[in-house]
Amino acid sequence: MSDAAYYVPVPRPAGPTGPADDIEIAVFRPTDRTVSTWGPHLQHGAPPSALLARAIERHRPRPDTRLTRLTVDLLGPVPLTDLEVRTRIERPGRRIELVVAELWATAPDGTHRPVARGTGWRLETVDLPAVARTSETPLPALGSFEPHAPHASWQGGYIDTVDWRIIVPFGTPGLSSAWVRGEIALVEGETPSGLDRLMSVADVANGVGSKLDPREFTFLNTDLTVHLFRAPEFREQDWVGIAAETSVGPDGVGMTAGLLYDQTGALGRITQNVQVRPR
């Protein structure tokens, strides 16, 4: 099993592309590097989210569009078994397209079902630099901060693949923030795209923004939505900036809201629904 990537491609037998001719199918085997902080038999939300984003970005790409919004719904625990990725264009169009990708896995009872679903809007782009602006406050430069683990109880699996530079400590009032970087590839043998690099760590916004002690509470997110107002500009080994805060209601349901950065500035926003439970 590879330690250099979250997933290993699995060859598929020759034959039809899927249930319909317009569905693209690929199969990937998760490595131990995908294991969640919440349990040893399921995947952390970040690698499956990135795998869905990869499928959406690569499916019938058009140079005159880019992905502007990505929503991932985690339909249940994502197991440490082979994942079948099914991708299709649900809403074609000249100026906008909606692309859908699903992760299918075989359950312990032998049934084959979707465990996660991603939807992405592609919007047509034009050259319009005169209107470019952002009001988001930039993050402090990366070089000012030393390596630091997010929490002593978060160890093993996926978390060990992430390098952290914490700016505002987690659990403090207001936005907490960090520079983070995935240290391995998304798919074995591939150079990650800018979107791959972003989505391989975006899901940790929930942890960055939480005010709760993970030794006392679990706070699993059921989804994430990323809006990108500009394309990510990442080079190899570049870092992703995350500034986030989680609000929780009296019924154990919360929401993380945050900003996403590359090293040139803010590039988008992220939201996540969170279910909080005492351990």
C-alpha atoms as a PDB file:
ATOM      1  CA  MET A   1       0.000   0.000   0.000  1.00  0.00           C
ATOM      2  CA  SER A   2       1.364   3.411  -1.001  1.00  0.00           C
ATOM      3  CA  ASP A   3       2.382   5.992   1.606  1.00  0.00           C
ATOM      4  CA  ALA A   4       2.915   8.634  -1.080  1.00  0.00           C
ATOM      5  CA  ALA A   5      -0.739   9.220  -1.996  1.00  0.00           C
ATOM      6  CA  TYR A   6      -4.265   9.055  -0.628  1.00  0.00           C
ATOM      7  CA  TYR A   7      -5.484   6.839  -3.482  1.00  0.00           C
ATOM      8  CA  VAL A   8      -4.133   4.273  -5.908  1.00  0.00           C
ATOM      9  CA  PRO A   9      -5.851   3.872  -9.314  1.00  0.00           C
ATOM     10  CA  VAL A  10      -7.392   0.444  -9.894  1.00  0.00           C
ATOM     11  CA  PRO A  11      -7.668  -0.736 -13.529  1.00  0.00           C
ATOM     12  CA  ARG A  12     -11.186  -1.494 -14.741  1.00  0.00           C
ATOM     13  CA  PRO A  13     -12.019  -4.336 -17.133  1.00  0.00           C
ATOM     14  CA  ALA A  14     -12.608  -3.262 -20.727  1.00  0.00           C
ATOM     15  CA  GLY A  15     -16.255  -2.685 -21.548  1.00  0.00           C
ATOM     16  CA  PRO A  16     -18.982  -0.017 -21.435  1.00  0.00           C
ATOM     17  CA  THR A  17     -18.107   3.192 -19.623  1.00  0.00           C
ATOM     18  CA  GLY A  18     -21.014   2.859 -17.218  1.00  0.00           C
ATOM     19  CA  PRO A  19     -24.769   2.716 -16.786  1.00  0.00           C
ATOM     20  CA  ALA A  20     -25.069   5.347 -19.506  1.00  0.00           C
ATOM     21  CA  ASP A  21     -22.692   6.394 -22.255  1.00  0.00           C
ATOM     22  CA  ASP A  22     -22.284   9.877 -20.771  1.00  0.00           C
ATOM     23  CA  ILE A  23     -21.075   8.591 -17.379  1.00  0.00           C
ATOM     24  CA  GLU A  24     -17.327   8.335 -16.848  1.00  0.00           C
ATOM     25  CA  ILE A  25     -16.211   5.706 -14.319  1.00  0.00           C
ATOM     26  CA  ALA A  26     -12.883   5.236 -12.525  1.00  0.00           C
ATOM     27  CA  VAL A  27     -11.928   3.124  -9.501  1.00  0.00           C
ATOM     28  CA  PHE A  28      -9.530   4.070  -6.697  1.00  0.00           C
ATOM     29  CA  ARG A  29      -8.219   2.196  -3.663  1.00  0.00           C
ATOM     30  CA  PRO A  30      -7.730   4.307  -0.509  1.00  0.00           C
ATOM     31  CA  THR A  31      -4.473   4.032   1.387  1.00  0.00           C
ATOM     32  CA  ASP A  32      -4.034   4.156   5.154  1.00  0.00           C
ATOM     33  CA  ARG A  33      -3.268   7.861   4.734  1.00  0.00           C
ATOM     34  CA  THR A  34      -7.002   8.574   4.322  1.00  0.00           C
ATOM     35  CA  VAL A  35      -7.992   7.279   7.788  1.00  0.00           C
ATOM     36  CA  SER A  36     -10.192   9.643   9.827  1.00  0.00           C
ATOM     37  CA  THR A  37      -9.452  11.186  13.206  1.00  0.00           C
ATOM     38  CA  TRP A  38     -12.925  10.051  14.305  1.00  0.00           C
ATOM     39  CA  GLY A  39     -12.508   6.312  13.692  1.00  0.00           C
ATOM     40  CA  PRO A  40     -10.051   3.752  12.282  1.00  0.00           C
ATOM     41  CA  HIS A  41     -12.481   2.216   9.783  1.00  0.00           C
ATOM     42  CA  LEU A  42     -13.566   5.296   7.846  1.00  0.00           C
ATOM     43  CA  GLN A  43     -11.946   7.972   5.731  1.00  0.00           C
ATOM     44  CA  HIS A  44     -11.396  11.569   6.759  1.00  0.00           C
ATOM     45  CA  GLY A  45     -13.656  13.899   4.781  1.00  0.00           C
ATOM     46  CA  ALA A  46     -10.808  15.675   2.987  1.00  0.00           C
ATOM     47  CA  PRO A  47      -9.501  12.929   0.653  1.00  0.00           C
ATOM     48  CA  PRO A  48     -12.961  11.890  -0.676  1.00  0.00           C
ATOM     49  CA  SER A  49     -13.854  15.560  -1.189  1.00  0.00           C
ATOM     50  CA  ALA A  50     -10.657  16.075  -3.168  1.00  0.00           C
ATOM     51  CA  LEU A  51     -11.275  12.906  -5.208  1.00  0.00           C
ATOM     52  CA  LEU A  52     -14.730  14.201  -6.179  1.00  0.00           C
ATOM     53  CA  ALA A  53     -13.293  17.620  -7.060  1.00  0.00           C
ATOM     54  CA  ARG A  54     -10.644  15.942  -9.214  1.00  0.00           C
ATOM     55  CA  ALA A  55     -13.306  14.008 -11.112  1.00  0.00           C
ATOM     56  CA  ILE A  56     -15.418  17.115 -11.686  1.00  0.00           C
ATOM     57  CA  GLU A  57     -12.443  19.198 -12.828  1.00  0.00           C
ATOM     58  CA  ARG A  58     -11.227  16.545 -15.290  1.00  0.00           C
ATOM     59  CA  HIS A  59     -14.573  15.527 -16.778  1.00  0.00           C
ATOM     60  CA  ARG A  60     -14.819  16.943 -20.320  1.00  0.00           C
ATOM     61  CA  PRO A  61     -12.891  20.106 -19.378  1.00  0.00           C
ATOM     62  CA  ARG A  62     -13.407  23.353 -21.287  1.00  0.00           C
ATOM     63  CA  PRO A  63     -10.712  26.049 -21.427  1.00  0.00           C
ATOM     64  CA  ASP A  64     -13.364  28.796 -21.509  1.00  0.00           C
ATOM     65  CA  THR A  65     -14.832  27.819 -18.109  1.00  0.00           C
ATOM     66  CA  ARG A  66     -13.625  27.168 -14.585  1.00  0.00           C
ATOM     67  CA  LEU A  67     -15.069  25.554 -11.482  1.00  0.00           C
ATOM     68  CA  THR A  68     -16.600  28.270  -9.293  1.00  0.00           C
ATOM     69  CA  ARG A  69     -18.618  26.354  -6.731  1.00  0.00           C
ATOM     70  CA  LEU A  70     -18.169  22.848  -5.364  1.00  0.00           C
ATOM     71  CA  THR A  71     -20.507  21.148  -2.908  1.00  0.00           C
ATOM     72  CA  VAL A  72     -19.708  17.776  -1.358  1.00  0.00           C
ATOM     73  CA  ASP A  73     -22.353  15.825   0.560  1.00  0.00           C
ATOM     74  CA  LEU A  74     -21.074  12.974   2.703  1.00  0.00           C
ATOM     75  CA  LEU A  75     -23.955  10.491   2.498  1.00  0.00           C
ATOM     76  CA  GLY A  76     -22.505   8.256   5.199  1.00  0.00           C
ATOM     77  CA  PRO A  77     -19.171   6.949   6.448  1.00  0.00           C
ATOM     78  CA  VAL A  78     -16.751   6.568   3.533  1.00  0.00           C
ATOM     79  CA  PRO A  79     -15.195   3.113   4.018  1.00  0.00           C
ATOM     80  CA  LEU A  80     -11.600   2.059   3.468  1.00  0.00           C
ATOM     81  CA  THR A  81     -12.582  -0.015   0.430  1.00  0.00           C
ATOM     82  CA  ASP A  82     -12.370   0.514  -3.323  1.00  0.00           C
ATOM     83  CA  LEU A  83     -14.320   3.555  -4.499  1.00  0.00           C
ATOM     84  CA  GLU A  84     -16.004   3.780  -7.881  1.00  0.00           C
ATOM     85  CA  VAL A  85     -16.165   7.381  -9.100  1.00  0.00           C
ATOM     86  CA  ARG A  86     -19.037   8.115 -11.488  1.00  0.00           C
ATOM     87  CA  THR A  87     -18.980  11.508 -13.194  1.00  0.00           C
ATOM     88  CA  ARG A  88     -21.392  13.148 -15.613  1.00  0.00           C
ATOM     89  CA  ILE A  89     -22.570  16.538 -16.872  1.00  0.00           C
ATOM     90  CA  GLU A  90     -26.031  17.009 -15.408  1.00  0.00           C
ATOM     91  CA  ARG A  91     -26.779  20.417 -16.900  1.00  0.00           C
ATOM     92  CA  PRO A  92     -24.839  21.240 -20.091  1.00  0.00           C
ATOM     93  CA  GLY A  93     -24.708  24.801 -21.395  1.00  0.00           C
ATOM     94  CA  ARG A  94     -22.673  27.343 -23.303  1.00  0.00           C
ATOM     95  CA  ARG A  95     -22.109  29.694 -20.361  1.00  0.00           C
ATOM     96  CA  ILE A  96     -22.769  27.451 -17.350  1.00  0.00           C
ATOM     97  CA  GLU A  97     -22.472  23.713 -16.707  1.00  0.00           C
ATOM     98  CA  LEU A  98     -23.336  21.569 -13.707  1.00  0.00           C
ATOM     99  CA  VAL A  99     -21.075  18.532 -13.263  1.00  0.00           C
ATOM    100  CA  VAL A 100     -21.913  15.732 -10.815  1.00  0.00           C
ATOM    101  CA  ALA A 101     -19.608  13.059  -9.378  1.00  0.00           C
ATOM    102  CA  GLU A 102     -20.475  10.252  -6.973  1.00  0.00           C
ATOM    103  CA  LEU A 103     -18.366   7.857  -4.914  1.00  0.00           C
ATOM    104  CA  TRP A 104     -19.822   4.346  -4.815  1.00  0.00           C
ATOM    105  CA  ALA A 105     -18.679   1.654  -2.378  1.00  0.00           C
ATOM    106  CA  THR A 106     -19.729  -1.847  -1.401  1.00  0.00           C
ATOM    107  CA  ALA A 107     -21.304  -1.987   2.063  1.00  0.00           C
ATOM    108  CA  PRO A 108     -20.691  -4.835   4.544  1.00  0.00           C
ATOM    109  CA  ASP A 109     -24.034  -6.365   3.514  1.00  0.00           C
ATOM    110  CA  GLY A 110     -22.836  -6.539  -0.094  1.00  0.00           C
ATOM    111  CA  THR A 111     -24.961  -3.707  -1.453  1.00  0.00           C
ATOM    112  CA  HIS A 112     -23.329  -1.149  -3.753  1.00  0.00           C
ATOM    113  CA  ARG A 113     -24.355   2.406  -2.930  1.00  0.00           C
ATOM    114  CA  PRO A 114     -23.172   6.024  -3.125  1.00  0.00           C
ATOM    115  CA  VAL A 115     -21.316   7.243  -0.033  1.00  0.00           C
ATOM    116  CA  ALA A 116     -20.508  10.795  -1.195  1.00  0.00           C
ATOM    117  CA  ARG A 117     -21.715  13.150  -3.906  1.00  0.00           C
ATOM    118  CA  GLY A 118     -20.097  16.237  -5.389  1.00  0.00           C
ATOM    119  CA  THR A 119     -21.671  18.898  -7.590  1.00  0.00           C
ATOM    120  CA  GLY A 120     -19.707  21.618  -9.324  1.00  0.00           C
ATOM    121  CA  TRP A 121     -20.758  24.666 -11.303  1.00  0.00           C
ATOM    122  CA  ARG A 122     -18.521  25.645 -14.187  1.00  0.00           C
ATOM    123  CA  LEU A 123     -18.948  29.229 -15.364  1.00  0.00           C
ATOM    124  CA  GLU A 124     -17.738  30.746 -18.599  1.00  0.00           C
ATOM    125  CA  THR A 125     -14.818  33.128 -18.068  1.00  0.00           C
ATOM    126  CA  VAL A 126     -13.774  36.326 -19.868  1.00  0.00           C
ATOM    127  CA  ASP A 127     -10.709  38.577 -19.595  1.00  0.00           C
ATOM    128  CA  LEU A 128     -11.859  41.351 -17.221  1.00  0.00           C
ATOM    129  CA  PRO A 129      -8.983  42.401 -14.919  1.00  0.00           C
ATOM    130  CA  ALA A 130     -10.334  45.947 -14.463  1.00  0.00           C
ATOM    131  CA  VAL A 131     -13.074  44.749 -12.089  1.00  0.00           C
ATOM    132  CA  ALA A 132     -10.956  42.344 -10.000  1.00  0.00           C
ATOM    133  CA  ARG A 133     -11.151  43.090  -6.252  1.00  0.00           C
ATOM    134  CA  THR A 134     -11.350  41.407  -2.869  1.00  0.00           C
ATOM    135  CA  SER A 135     -12.238  42.839   0.535  1.00  0.00           C
ATOM    136  CA  GLU A 136     -10.856  39.936   2.589  1.00  0.00           C
ATOM    137  CA  THR A 137      -8.025  40.633   5.029  1.00  0.00           C
ATOM    138  CA  PRO A 138      -4.815  38.851   3.947  1.00  0.00           C
ATOM    139  CA  LEU A 139      -3.214  36.252   6.191  1.00  0.00           C
ATOM    140  CA  PRO A 140       0.217  36.946   7.712  1.00  0.00           C
ATOM    141  CA  ALA A 141       3.129  35.616   5.675  1.00  0.00           C
ATOM    142  CA  LEU A 142       3.940  31.947   6.080  1.00  0.00           C
ATOM    143  CA  GLY A 143       7.566  32.477   7.134  1.00  0.00           C
ATOM    144  CA  SER A 144       6.523  33.982  10.472  1.00  0.00           C
ATOM    145  CA  PHE A 145       5.302  30.689  11.959  1.00  0.00           C
ATOM    146  CA  GLU A 146       6.902  27.461  13.169  1.00  0.00           C
ATOM    147  CA  PRO A 147       5.576  23.919  12.563  1.00  0.00           C
ATOM    148  CA  HIS A 148       2.871  23.056  15.061  1.00  0.00           C
ATOM    149  CA  ALA A 149       0.437  20.145  15.424  1.00  0.00           C
ATOM    150  CA  PRO A 150      -3.224  21.224  15.704  1.00  0.00           C
ATOM    151  CA  HIS A 151      -4.084  19.062  18.744  1.00  0.00           C
ATOM    152  CA  ALA A 152      -2.329  16.240  20.574  1.00  0.00           C
ATOM    153  CA  SER A 153      -5.367  13.947  20.234  1.00  0.00           C
ATOM    154  CA  TRP A 154      -5.410  14.315  16.432  1.00  0.00           C
ATOM    155  CA  GLN A 155      -2.850  11.803  15.225  1.00  0.00           C
ATOM    156  CA  GLY A 156      -2.463   9.098  12.612  1.00  0.00           C
ATOM    157  CA  GLY A 157      -3.947   8.540   9.189  1.00  0.00           C
ATOM    158  CA  TYR A 158      -4.876  11.666   7.261  1.00  0.00           C
ATOM    159  CA  ILE A 159      -3.821  14.172   9.926  1.00  0.00           C
ATOM    160  CA  ASP A 160      -0.220  12.950   9.790  1.00  0.00           C
ATOM    161  CA  THR A 161      -0.078  13.895   6.087  1.00  0.00           C
ATOM    162  CA  VAL A 162      -0.790  17.573   6.775  1.00  0.00           C
ATOM    163  CA  ASP A 163       1.858  20.151   7.645  1.00  0.00           C
ATOM    164  CA  TRP A 164       0.547  22.967   9.871  1.00  0.00           C
ATOM    165  CA  ARG A 165       1.618  26.557  10.547  1.00  0.00           C
ATOM    166  CA  ILE A 166      -0.876  27.908  13.071  1.00  0.00           C
ATOM    167  CA  ILE A 167      -1.474  31.668  12.987  1.00  0.00           C
ATOM    168  CA  VAL A 168      -4.331  32.191  15.475  1.00  0.00           C
ATOM    169  CA  PRO A 169      -4.629  29.198  17.843  1.00  0.00           C
ATOM    170  CA  PHE A 170      -7.688  27.003  17.553  1.00  0.00           C
ATOM    171  CA  GLY A 171     -10.342  27.567  20.224  1.00  0.00           C
ATOM    172  CA  THR A 172      -9.668  31.282  20.669  1.00  0.00           C
ATOM    173  CA  PRO A 173     -12.538  33.785  20.204  1.00  0.00           C
ATOM    174  CA  GLY A 174     -13.204  34.863  16.629  1.00  0.00           C
ATOM    175  CA  LEU A 175     -11.539  33.462  13.544  1.00  0.00           C
ATOM    176  CA  SER A 176      -8.773  30.925  14.029  1.00  0.00           C
ATOM    177  CA  SER A 177      -6.346  30.533  11.150  1.00  0.00           C
ATOM    178  CA  ALA A 178      -3.496  28.448   9.802  1.00  0.00           C
ATOM    179  CA  TRP A 179      -1.395  27.731   6.759  1.00  0.00           C
ATOM    180  CA  VAL A 180      -1.731  24.036   5.881  1.00  0.00           C
ATOM    181  CA  ARG A 181      -0.231  21.777   3.247  1.00  0.00           C
ATOM    182  CA  GLY A 182      -0.864  18.207   2.212  1.00  0.00           C
ATOM    183  CA  GLU A 183       2.477  16.401   2.037  1.00  0.00           C
ATOM    184  CA  ILE A 184       1.428  13.595  -0.332  1.00  0.00           C
ATOM    185  CA  ALA A 185      -0.287  13.318  -3.710  1.00  0.00           C
ATOM    186  CA  LEU A 186      -4.017  12.871  -4.094  1.00  0.00           C
ATOM    187  CA  VAL A 187      -3.628  10.027  -6.621  1.00  0.00           C
ATOM    188  CA  GLU A 188      -0.500   7.917  -6.941  1.00  0.00           C
ATOM    189  CA  GLY A 189       1.591   8.856  -9.976  1.00  0.00           C
ATOM    190  CA  GLU A 190      -0.120  12.214 -10.570  1.00  0.00           C
ATOM    191  CA  THR A 191       1.016  15.789 -10.012  1.00  0.00           C
ATOM    192  CA  PRO A 192      -1.838  17.472  -8.099  1.00  0.00           C
ATOM    193  CA  SER A 193      -3.638  20.376  -9.757  1.00  0.00           C
ATOM    194  CA  GLY A 194      -4.249  23.607  -7.867  1.00  0.00           C
ATOM    195  CA  LEU A 195      -7.778  22.430  -7.090  1.00  0.00           C
ATOM    196  CA  ASP A 196      -6.440  19.064  -5.870  1.00  0.00           C
ATOM    197  CA  ARG A 197      -4.107  20.866  -3.452  1.00  0.00           C
ATOM    198  CA  LEU A 198      -6.896  23.099  -2.168  1.00  0.00           C
ATOM    199  CA  MET A 199      -9.510  20.380  -1.718  1.00  0.00           C
ATOM    200  CA  SER A 200      -7.040  17.948  -0.127  1.00  0.00           C
ATOM    201  CA  VAL A 201      -7.045  20.196   2.960  1.00  0.00           C
ATOM    202  CA  ALA A 202     -10.180  22.390   2.728  1.00  0.00           C
ATOM    203  CA  ASP A 203     -12.227  20.034   4.909  1.00  0.00           C
ATOM    204  CA  VAL A 204     -10.002  20.782   7.930  1.00  0.00           C
ATOM    205  CA  ALA A 205     -11.698  24.206   8.174  1.00  0.00           C
ATOM    206  CA  ASN A 206     -14.086  22.502  10.595  1.00  0.00           C
ATOM    207  CA  GLY A 207     -11.184  21.706  12.916  1.00  0.00           C
ATOM    208  CA  VAL A 208      -9.566  25.107  12.464  1.00  0.00           C
ATOM    209  CA  GLY A 209     -12.787  26.915  13.387  1.00  0.00           C
ATOM    210  CA  SER A 210     -13.947  24.724  16.268  1.00  0.00           C
ATOM    211  CA  LYS A 211     -13.976  26.072  19.815  1.00  0.00           C
ATOM    212  CA  LEU A 212     -14.467  22.592  21.335  1.00  0.00           C
ATOM    213  CA  ASP A 213     -11.930  20.187  22.816  1.00  0.00           C
ATOM    214  CA  PRO A 214     -11.863  17.075  20.589  1.00  0.00           C
ATOM    215  CA  ARG A 215     -11.117  14.964  23.675  1.00  0.00           C
ATOM    216  CA  GLU A 216     -14.558  15.900  25.013  1.00  0.00           C
ATOM    217  CA  PHE A 217     -16.643  16.325  21.849  1.00  0.00           C
ATOM    218  CA  THR A 218     -16.895  15.030  18.318  1.00  0.00           C
ATOM    219  CA  PHE A 219     -17.817  17.531  15.614  1.00  0.00           C
ATOM    220  CA  LEU A 220     -18.232  15.791  12.291  1.00  0.00           C
ATOM    221  CA  ASN A 221     -19.252  17.745   9.224  1.00  0.00           C
ATOM    222  CA  THR A 222     -21.818  16.271   6.852  1.00  0.00           C
ATOM    223  CA  ASP A 223     -20.916  18.440   3.881  1.00  0.00           C
ATOM    224  CA  LEU A 224     -18.797  21.266   2.573  1.00  0.00           C
ATOM    225  CA  THR A 225     -19.379  24.006   0.019  1.00  0.00           C
ATOM    226  CA  VAL A 226     -16.519  25.952  -1.531  1.00  0.00           C
ATOM    227  CA  HIS A 227     -17.079  29.094  -3.614  1.00  0.00           C
ATOM    228  CA  LEU A 228     -14.056  30.256  -5.616  1.00  0.00           C
ATOM    229  CA  PHE A 229     -14.115  33.849  -6.835  1.00  0.00           C
ATOM    230  CA  ARG A 230     -10.764  33.301  -8.535  1.00  0.00           C
ATOM    231  CA  ALA A 231      -8.774  30.296  -9.691  1.00  0.00           C
ATOM    232  CA  PRO A 232      -6.243  28.870  -7.195  1.00  0.00           C
ATOM    233  CA  GLU A 233      -2.607  29.693  -7.988  1.00  0.00           C
ATOM    234  CA  PHE A 234      -0.600  26.919  -6.364  1.00  0.00           C
ATOM    235  CA  ARG A 235       2.838  25.686  -7.266  1.00  0.00           C
ATOM    236  CA  GLU A 236       4.362  22.455  -6.019  1.00  0.00           C
ATOM    237  CA  GLN A 237       4.631  22.445  -2.212  1.00  0.00           C
ATOM    238  CA  ASP A 238       2.581  25.636  -1.888  1.00  0.00           C
ATOM    239  CA  TRP A 239       0.412  26.205   1.169  1.00  0.00           C
ATOM    240  CA  VAL A 240      -3.335  26.755   1.634  1.00  0.00           C
ATOM    241  CA  GLY A 241      -4.497  29.398   4.087  1.00  0.00           C
ATOM    242  CA  ILE A 242      -7.651  28.798   6.137  1.00  0.00           C
ATOM    243  CA  ALA A 243      -9.347  31.266   8.495  1.00  0.00           C
ATOM    244  CA  ALA A 244     -12.526  29.833  10.025  1.00  0.00           C
ATOM    245  CA  GLU A 245     -14.979  29.961  12.908  1.00  0.00           C
ATOM    246  CA  THR A 246     -17.652  27.464  13.961  1.00  0.00           C
ATOM    247  CA  SER A 247     -20.945  28.530  15.538  1.00  0.00           C
ATOM    248  CA  VAL A 248     -23.029  25.914  17.390  1.00  0.00           C
ATOM    249  CA  GLY A 249     -26.687  26.084  18.397  1.00  0.00           C
ATOM    250  CA  PRO A 250     -28.160  24.695  21.645  1.00  0.00           C
ATOM    251  CA  ASP A 251     -29.350  21.552  19.820  1.00  0.00           C
ATOM    252  CA  GLY A 252     -25.896  20.256  18.886  1.00  0.00           C
ATOM    253  CA  VAL A 253     -25.955  21.475  15.290  1.00  0.00           C
ATOM    254  CA  GLY A 254     -23.424  23.991  14.049  1.00  0.00           C
ATOM    255  CA  MET A 255     -21.882  25.594  11.006  1.00  0.00           C
ATOM    256  CA  THR A 256     -18.305  26.380  10.057  1.00  0.00           C
ATOM    257  CA  ALA A 257     -17.705  29.428   7.876  1.00  0.00           C
ATOM    258  CA  GLY A 258     -14.295  30.412   6.610  1.00  0.00           C
ATOM    259  CA  LEU A 259     -11.994  31.954   4.048  1.00  0.00           C
ATOM    260  CA  LEU A 260      -9.555  30.115   1.782  1.00  0.00           C
ATOM    261  CA  TYR A 261      -6.223  31.537   0.592  1.00  0.00           C
ATOM    262  CA  ASP A 262      -3.303  30.788  -1.638  1.00  0.00           C
ATOM    263  CA  GLN A 263      -0.046  32.658  -1.103  1.00  0.00           C
ATOM    264  CA  THR A 264      -1.192  35.550  -3.291  1.00  0.00           C
ATOM    265  CA  GLY A 265      -4.311  36.247  -1.211  1.00  0.00           C
ATOM    266  CA  ALA A 266      -7.907  35.195  -0.603  1.00  0.00           C
ATOM    267  CA  LEU A 267      -9.524  33.075  -3.306  1.00  0.00           C
ATOM    268  CA  GLY A 268     -12.806  31.779  -1.884  1.00  0.00           C
ATOM    269  CA  ARG A 269     -15.045  30.829   1.002  1.00  0.00           C
ATOM    270  CA  ILE A 270     -16.069  27.569   2.646  1.00  0.00           C
ATOM    271  CA  THR A 271     -19.075  26.503   4.731  1.00  0.00           C
ATOM    272  CA  GLN A 272     -19.756  23.186   6.490  1.00  0.00           C
ATOM    273  CA  ASN A 273     -22.656  21.776   8.503  1.00  0.00           C
ATOM    274  CA  VAL A 274     -21.416  20.274  11.773  1.00  0.00           C
ATOM    275  CA  GLN A 275     -23.015  17.770  14.161  1.00  0.00           C
ATOM    276  CA  VAL A 276     -21.663  18.088  17.716  1.00  0.00           C
ATOM    277  CA  ARG A 277     -21.881  15.259  20.252  1.00  0.00           C
ATOM    278  CA  PRO A 278     -20.229  14.632  23.654  1.00  0.00           C
ATOM    279  CA  ARG A 279     -17.865  11.677  23.748  1.00  0.00           C
END
